[in-house]
């Protein structure tokens, strides 16, 4: 009987440890990142890393290898390709009387809604307002300059008086960027053979890196000569035109339920969605219209498409 129960116990444990999904963000309440931060019900624990700041970032594949080597899990999946472990000291009996902590929590919820991969490393309010009793937060305005955020809360205090409380925060946002594997000449179409992916704090960059799916890389080309090891910024590339000047494409004109088809010569390079200038080769009339997939130009001057 004991053997049967033992086998059932082992089978259940194998099943439990065989399927698990790791969230994109994990919270640790002390300066040690350990297995129990991910799996609080584990009977054993093991230290995985120590915090040097307020967050640790892992590539999902690397964290998976670490977990497979330290647990009995056999099938681990991840909500994101980047996993962030945030240090957040546990607060007992939290309430709005702790003004700075209250506003930090309020700002975190607001800021991380649109940037869920970001991390707030430091937050502080004006020292002259730390004893303010808050009734309601009416509005929040802020601006980010690289890793620093500066802003103001408009609040009602416990006497129903409006006050502004200024704050500043230090933030980071680790994500993949594309980096040139080799020198890339001007007008060269991009592809994964020319680029590699690297995790960086994109908030520390002075320009916006190119953000596009790997499958869409071939739609871009170098807008200048790119050097080996250079981060690929948005202004260093441009989309490859869907039509080029001199190309002949169809045009559809709709008016009062009538559809007119013809052919025109495009006068400027353009991508889908651009307004294109074209010339009807037979009538020599200049036409402006929106470029659609096909590619083709569609103009609706009051009729309905059929």
Protein backbone atom coordinates (compact mmCIF):
# COMPACT_ATOMS: atom_id res chain seq x y z
CA UNK A 1 0.00 0.00 0.00
CA UNK A 2 2.82 2.39 0.90
CA UNK A 3 4.48 1.65 -2.44
CA UNK A 4 1.26 2.46 -4.29
CA UNK A 5 0.85 5.76 -2.43
CA UNK A 6 4.49 6.61 -3.09
CA UNK A 7 4.05 5.94 -6.82
CA UNK A 8 0.90 8.10 -6.90
CA UNK A 9 2.82 10.87 -5.10
CA UNK A 10 5.66 10.65 -7.63
CA UNK A 11 3.23 10.62 -10.58
CA UNK A 12 1.37 13.69 -9.29
CA UNK A 13 4.64 15.53 -8.69
CA UNK A 14 5.90 14.68 -12.17
CA UNK A 15 2.68 16.04 -13.64
CA UNK A 16 2.82 19.21 -11.56
CA UNK A 17 6.46 19.80 -12.38
CA UNK A 18 6.04 18.99 -16.05
CA UNK A 19 3.99 22.02 -17.13
CA UNK A 20 4.59 25.59 -16.00
CA UNK A 21 4.37 29.05 -17.57
CA UNK A 22 6.64 31.83 -16.28
CA UNK A 23 5.16 35.38 -16.32
CA UNK A 24 6.99 38.28 -17.98
CA UNK A 25 7.48 40.04 -14.62
CA UNK A 26 8.39 38.42 -11.30
CA UNK A 27 8.54 40.23 -7.97
CA UNK A 28 11.11 39.54 -5.27
CA UNK A 29 10.60 41.01 -1.80
CA UNK A 30 14.25 40.82 -0.79
CA UNK A 31 17.64 41.37 -2.40
CA UNK A 32 17.99 37.69 -3.31
CA UNK A 33 16.32 36.21 -6.39
CA UNK A 34 15.57 32.57 -5.62
CA UNK A 35 13.39 29.69 -6.84
CA UNK A 36 10.64 30.54 -4.34
CA UNK A 37 10.18 33.94 -6.01
CA UNK A 38 8.90 31.96 -9.01
CA UNK A 39 7.51 28.88 -7.26
CA UNK A 40 6.40 29.91 -3.73
CA UNK A 41 5.05 26.42 -2.98
CA UNK A 42 8.37 24.65 -3.45
CA UNK A 43 9.57 22.77 -0.37
CA UNK A 44 13.19 23.67 -1.12
CA UNK A 45 14.81 26.88 -2.28
CA UNK A 46 17.92 27.89 -4.17
CA UNK A 47 19.52 31.27 -4.76
CA UNK A 48 19.64 32.19 -8.45
CA UNK A 49 21.05 35.74 -8.33
CA UNK A 50 21.62 38.80 -6.14
CA UNK A 51 20.23 42.27 -6.95
CA UNK A 52 22.79 44.97 -7.69
CA UNK A 53 19.99 47.39 -8.65
CA UNK A 54 16.23 47.11 -8.44
CA UNK A 55 15.77 44.65 -11.30
CA UNK A 56 17.37 41.69 -13.05
CA UNK A 57 16.67 40.84 -16.70
CA UNK A 58 16.97 37.41 -18.29
CA UNK A 59 16.54 36.11 -21.79
CA UNK A 60 13.78 33.49 -21.53
CA UNK A 61 16.01 30.79 -23.05
CA UNK A 62 18.77 31.37 -20.47
CA UNK A 63 16.37 31.42 -17.54
CA UNK A 64 14.76 28.23 -18.86
CA UNK A 65 18.12 26.42 -18.87
CA UNK A 66 18.76 27.62 -15.31
CA UNK A 67 15.37 26.39 -14.08
CA UNK A 68 15.63 23.04 -15.84
CA UNK A 69 18.96 22.44 -14.13
CA UNK A 70 17.67 23.33 -10.64
CA UNK A 71 14.11 21.92 -10.59
CA UNK A 72 12.14 18.85 -11.67
CA UNK A 73 10.19 20.78 -14.30
CA UNK A 74 10.34 19.25 -17.77
CA UNK A 75 8.18 21.65 -19.78
CA UNK A 76 8.69 25.37 -19.08
CA UNK A 77 7.15 28.10 -21.24
CA UNK A 78 7.32 31.89 -20.96
CA UNK A 79 4.89 34.75 -21.50
CA UNK A 80 7.69 36.89 -22.97
CA UNK A 81 11.13 36.47 -24.54
CA UNK A 82 12.48 38.76 -21.81
CA UNK A 83 11.80 38.11 -18.14
CA UNK A 84 12.22 40.91 -15.59
CA UNK A 85 12.64 40.24 -11.87
CA UNK A 86 11.77 43.34 -9.84
CA UNK A 87 12.91 44.04 -6.31
CA UNK A 88 9.98 45.42 -4.32
CA UNK A 89 10.37 45.47 -0.52
CA UNK A 90 7.23 44.16 1.12
CA UNK A 91 5.24 46.86 2.87
CA UNK A 92 3.20 46.01 5.95
CA UNK A 93 -0.12 47.78 6.58
CA UNK A 94 0.21 50.00 3.52
CA UNK A 95 -2.12 53.00 3.34
CA UNK A 96 -2.19 56.46 1.79
CA UNK A 97 -0.68 58.06 4.90
CA UNK A 98 2.71 57.06 3.45
CA UNK A 99 2.52 59.73 0.75
CA UNK A 100 5.65 58.84 -1.21
CA UNK A 101 4.89 55.12 -1.33
CA UNK A 102 1.26 55.79 -2.22
CA UNK A 103 2.25 58.01 -5.16
CA UNK A 104 4.97 55.62 -6.28
CA UNK A 105 2.41 52.79 -6.47
CA UNK A 106 -0.03 55.07 -8.29
CA UNK A 107 2.65 56.10 -10.81
CA UNK A 108 3.82 52.51 -11.35
CA UNK A 109 0.33 51.38 -12.31
CA UNK A 110 -0.04 54.34 -14.68
CA UNK A 111 3.41 54.10 -16.29
CA UNK A 112 3.64 50.32 -16.62
CA UNK A 113 0.24 50.04 -18.30
CA UNK A 114 1.76 51.21 -21.60
CA UNK A 115 5.30 49.95 -20.98
CA UNK A 116 4.90 46.59 -19.15
CA UNK A 117 8.57 45.63 -19.67
CA UNK A 118 9.86 48.80 -18.02
CA UNK A 119 11.28 48.93 -14.50
CA UNK A 120 11.08 51.82 -12.04
CA UNK A 121 14.46 51.81 -10.31
CA UNK A 122 14.02 54.87 -8.13
CA UNK A 123 11.17 57.22 -7.22
CA UNK A 124 11.02 60.27 -4.99
CA UNK A 125 8.70 63.23 -4.43
CA UNK A 126 9.42 66.77 -3.30
CA UNK A 127 10.63 66.59 0.29
CA UNK A 128 8.33 69.49 1.22
CA UNK A 129 5.28 67.39 0.34
CA UNK A 130 6.09 64.11 2.05
CA UNK A 131 3.71 64.82 4.93
CA UNK A 132 0.79 65.77 2.66
CA UNK A 133 -2.39 63.80 3.32
CA UNK A 134 -3.85 62.75 -0.04
CA UNK A 135 -7.57 62.44 -0.62
CA UNK A 136 -7.62 62.06 -4.44
CA UNK A 137 -5.15 62.15 -7.33
CA UNK A 138 -6.78 64.37 -9.96
CA UNK A 139 -4.16 64.29 -12.71
CA UNK A 140 -0.60 63.20 -13.49
CA UNK A 141 1.75 64.75 -16.05
CA UNK A 142 5.31 63.71 -16.77
CA UNK A 143 8.03 63.60 -19.39
CA UNK A 144 10.88 61.15 -19.87
CA UNK A 145 14.44 62.16 -20.74
CA UNK A 146 16.41 58.95 -21.33
CA UNK A 147 16.33 57.07 -18.00
CA UNK A 148 14.90 59.96 -15.98
CA UNK A 149 11.26 60.94 -15.58
CA UNK A 150 10.11 64.32 -14.24
CA UNK A 151 6.49 65.04 -13.45
CA UNK A 152 3.75 66.41 -11.23
CA UNK A 153 0.70 65.04 -9.46
CA UNK A 154 -2.34 67.28 -9.06
CA UNK A 155 -4.02 66.10 -5.86
CA UNK A 156 -6.73 66.96 -3.38
CA UNK A 157 -5.49 66.84 0.19
CA UNK A 158 -7.49 65.88 3.29
CA UNK A 159 -8.77 69.47 3.53
CA UNK A 160 -10.03 69.29 -0.07
CA UNK A 161 -7.38 71.74 -1.26
CA UNK A 162 -5.67 71.31 -4.65
CA UNK A 163 -1.91 70.87 -4.56
CA UNK A 164 0.86 69.97 -6.96
CA UNK A 165 3.44 67.40 -5.87
CA UNK A 166 6.51 67.16 -8.08
CA UNK A 167 8.37 63.86 -8.50
CA UNK A 168 11.25 62.30 -10.34
CA UNK A 169 11.97 58.68 -11.18
CA UNK A 170 14.72 56.60 -12.73
CA UNK A 171 13.49 53.94 -15.14
CA UNK A 172 14.87 51.30 -17.47
CA UNK A 173 13.38 49.18 -20.24
CA UNK A 174 15.33 46.16 -21.45
CA UNK A 175 14.39 44.87 -24.88
CA UNK A 176 15.94 43.49 -28.04
CA UNK A 177 17.59 45.80 -30.56
CA UNK A 178 19.08 44.96 -33.95
CA UNK A 179 22.85 45.33 -34.34
CA UNK A 180 24.86 45.13 -37.58
CA UNK A 181 26.97 41.95 -37.83
CA UNK A 182 29.14 43.58 -40.49
CA UNK A 183 29.42 46.80 -42.49
CA UNK A 184 26.20 47.33 -44.45
CA UNK A 185 26.38 49.56 -47.55
CA UNK A 186 23.81 52.26 -48.33
CA UNK A 187 20.53 50.96 -49.84
CA UNK A 188 21.26 47.33 -48.91
CA UNK A 189 18.03 45.44 -48.02
CA UNK A 190 18.11 44.13 -44.43
CA UNK A 191 17.85 40.50 -43.37
CA UNK A 192 18.78 38.30 -40.40
CA UNK A 193 22.08 37.32 -42.02
CA UNK A 194 23.23 40.95 -41.73
CA UNK A 195 21.86 41.62 -38.25
CA UNK A 196 21.85 40.10 -34.78
CA UNK A 197 19.65 40.77 -31.75
CA UNK A 198 21.00 42.15 -28.49
CA UNK A 199 19.29 43.00 -25.20
CA UNK A 200 19.80 46.63 -24.15
CA UNK A 201 18.18 49.26 -21.98
CA UNK A 202 16.40 51.11 -24.78
CA UNK A 203 15.65 54.05 -22.47
CA UNK A 204 19.39 54.73 -22.27
CA UNK A 205 19.55 55.27 -26.05
CA UNK A 206 19.36 58.80 -27.43
CA UNK A 207 17.44 57.66 -30.53
CA UNK A 208 14.67 55.15 -31.21
CA UNK A 209 15.90 51.71 -32.34
CA UNK A 210 14.19 49.96 -35.23
CA UNK A 211 11.27 47.92 -33.85
CA UNK A 212 9.88 45.42 -36.31
CA UNK A 213 9.17 41.73 -36.56
CA UNK A 214 11.99 39.58 -37.96
CA UNK A 215 9.73 38.63 -40.87
CA UNK A 216 9.37 42.31 -41.81
CA UNK A 217 13.11 43.11 -41.89
CA UNK A 218 13.26 42.55 -45.64
CA UNK A 219 10.90 45.50 -46.10
CA UNK A 220 13.68 47.86 -44.94
CA UNK A 221 16.97 48.98 -46.45
CA UNK A 222 19.94 50.95 -45.10
CA UNK A 223 19.42 54.70 -45.41
CA UNK A 224 23.20 55.24 -45.11
CA UNK A 225 26.34 53.17 -44.65
CA UNK A 226 26.03 51.18 -41.42
CA UNK A 227 29.09 50.11 -39.44
CA UNK A 228 29.72 46.71 -37.89
CA UNK A 229 28.41 46.65 -34.29
CA UNK A 230 26.16 49.68 -34.83
CA UNK A 231 22.66 49.70 -33.33
CA UNK A 232 20.05 49.95 -36.08
CA UNK A 233 18.02 53.09 -35.36
CA UNK A 234 14.77 54.05 -37.08
CA UNK A 235 16.42 56.99 -38.86
CA UNK A 236 19.20 54.74 -40.24
CA UNK A 237 16.78 52.75 -42.41
CA UNK A 238 13.84 53.39 -44.67
CA UNK A 239 11.14 51.18 -46.11
CA UNK A 240 11.79 49.70 -49.53
CA UNK A 241 9.25 51.31 -51.91
CA UNK A 242 6.29 49.17 -52.95
CA UNK A 243 6.28 51.11 -56.24
CA UNK A 244 9.06 53.10 -57.89
CA UNK A 245 8.98 56.16 -60.11
CA UNK A 246 8.30 55.14 -63.70
CA UNK A 247 6.39 51.98 -62.77
CA UNK A 248 3.02 51.46 -64.49
CA UNK A 249 0.20 50.30 -62.21
CA UNK A 250 -3.63 50.08 -62.40
CA UNK A 251 -5.92 52.78 -61.07
CA UNK A 252 -9.56 52.44 -59.93
CA UNK A 253 -11.83 55.49 -59.84
CA UNK A 254 -15.27 55.31 -58.22
CA UNK A 255 -17.95 57.93 -58.90
CA UNK A 256 -21.70 57.70 -58.40
CA UNK A 257 -21.62 53.91 -58.45
CA UNK A 258 -19.49 53.77 -61.60
CA UNK A 259 -16.10 52.08 -61.56
CA UNK A 260 -13.48 53.27 -64.06
CA UNK A 261 -10.31 51.24 -64.62
CA UNK A 262 -7.16 52.53 -66.26
CA UNK A 263 -3.36 52.47 -66.08
CA UNK A 264 -1.00 55.22 -64.89
CA UNK A 265 2.73 55.80 -64.59
CA UNK A 266 3.89 56.50 -61.03
CA UNK A 267 5.98 59.69 -60.66
CA UNK A 268 7.46 59.08 -57.19
CA UNK A 269 8.64 56.18 -55.03
CA UNK A 270 5.97 55.20 -52.50
CA UNK A 271 4.92 52.56 -49.99
CA UNK A 272 1.42 51.21 -49.35
CA UNK A 273 -0.71 53.94 -47.75
CA UNK A 274 1.18 56.87 -49.31
CA UNK A 275 -0.44 59.46 -51.56
CA UNK A 276 1.02 58.90 -55.02
CA UNK A 277 1.34 61.27 -57.95
CA UNK A 278 0.83 59.56 -61.30
CA UNK A 279 0.22 60.40 -64.95
CA UNK A 280 -2.32 58.85 -67.29
CA UNK A 281 -0.22 57.95 -70.30
CA UNK A 282 -3.11 58.33 -72.77
CA UNK A 283 -4.67 61.59 -71.52
CA UNK A 284 -1.50 63.06 -69.94
CA UNK A 285 -3.62 64.02 -66.89
CA UNK A 286 -1.86 64.19 -63.51
CA UNK A 287 -3.58 62.25 -60.74
CA UNK A 288 -3.09 62.07 -56.96
CA UNK A 289 -4.39 58.99 -55.15
CA UNK A 290 -3.75 56.60 -52.28
CA UNK A 291 -1.63 53.52 -52.92
CA UNK A 292 -3.23 50.20 -51.94
CA UNK A 293 -2.03 46.60 -51.95
CA UNK A 294 -1.77 45.26 -55.46
CA UNK A 295 -0.17 47.69 -55.91
CA UNK A 296 -2.89 49.95 -57.29
CA UNK A 297 -4.26 53.45 -56.84
CA UNK A 298 -7.85 53.87 -55.67
CA UNK A 299 -9.73 57.17 -55.88
CA UNK A 300 -13.28 57.55 -54.55
CA UNK A 301 -14.84 60.86 -55.55
CA UNK A 302 -18.32 60.35 -54.17
CA UNK A 303 -19.39 56.99 -55.51
CA UNK A 304 -19.47 53.59 -53.87
CA UNK A 305 -17.07 50.72 -54.59
CA UNK A 306 -18.67 47.62 -56.04
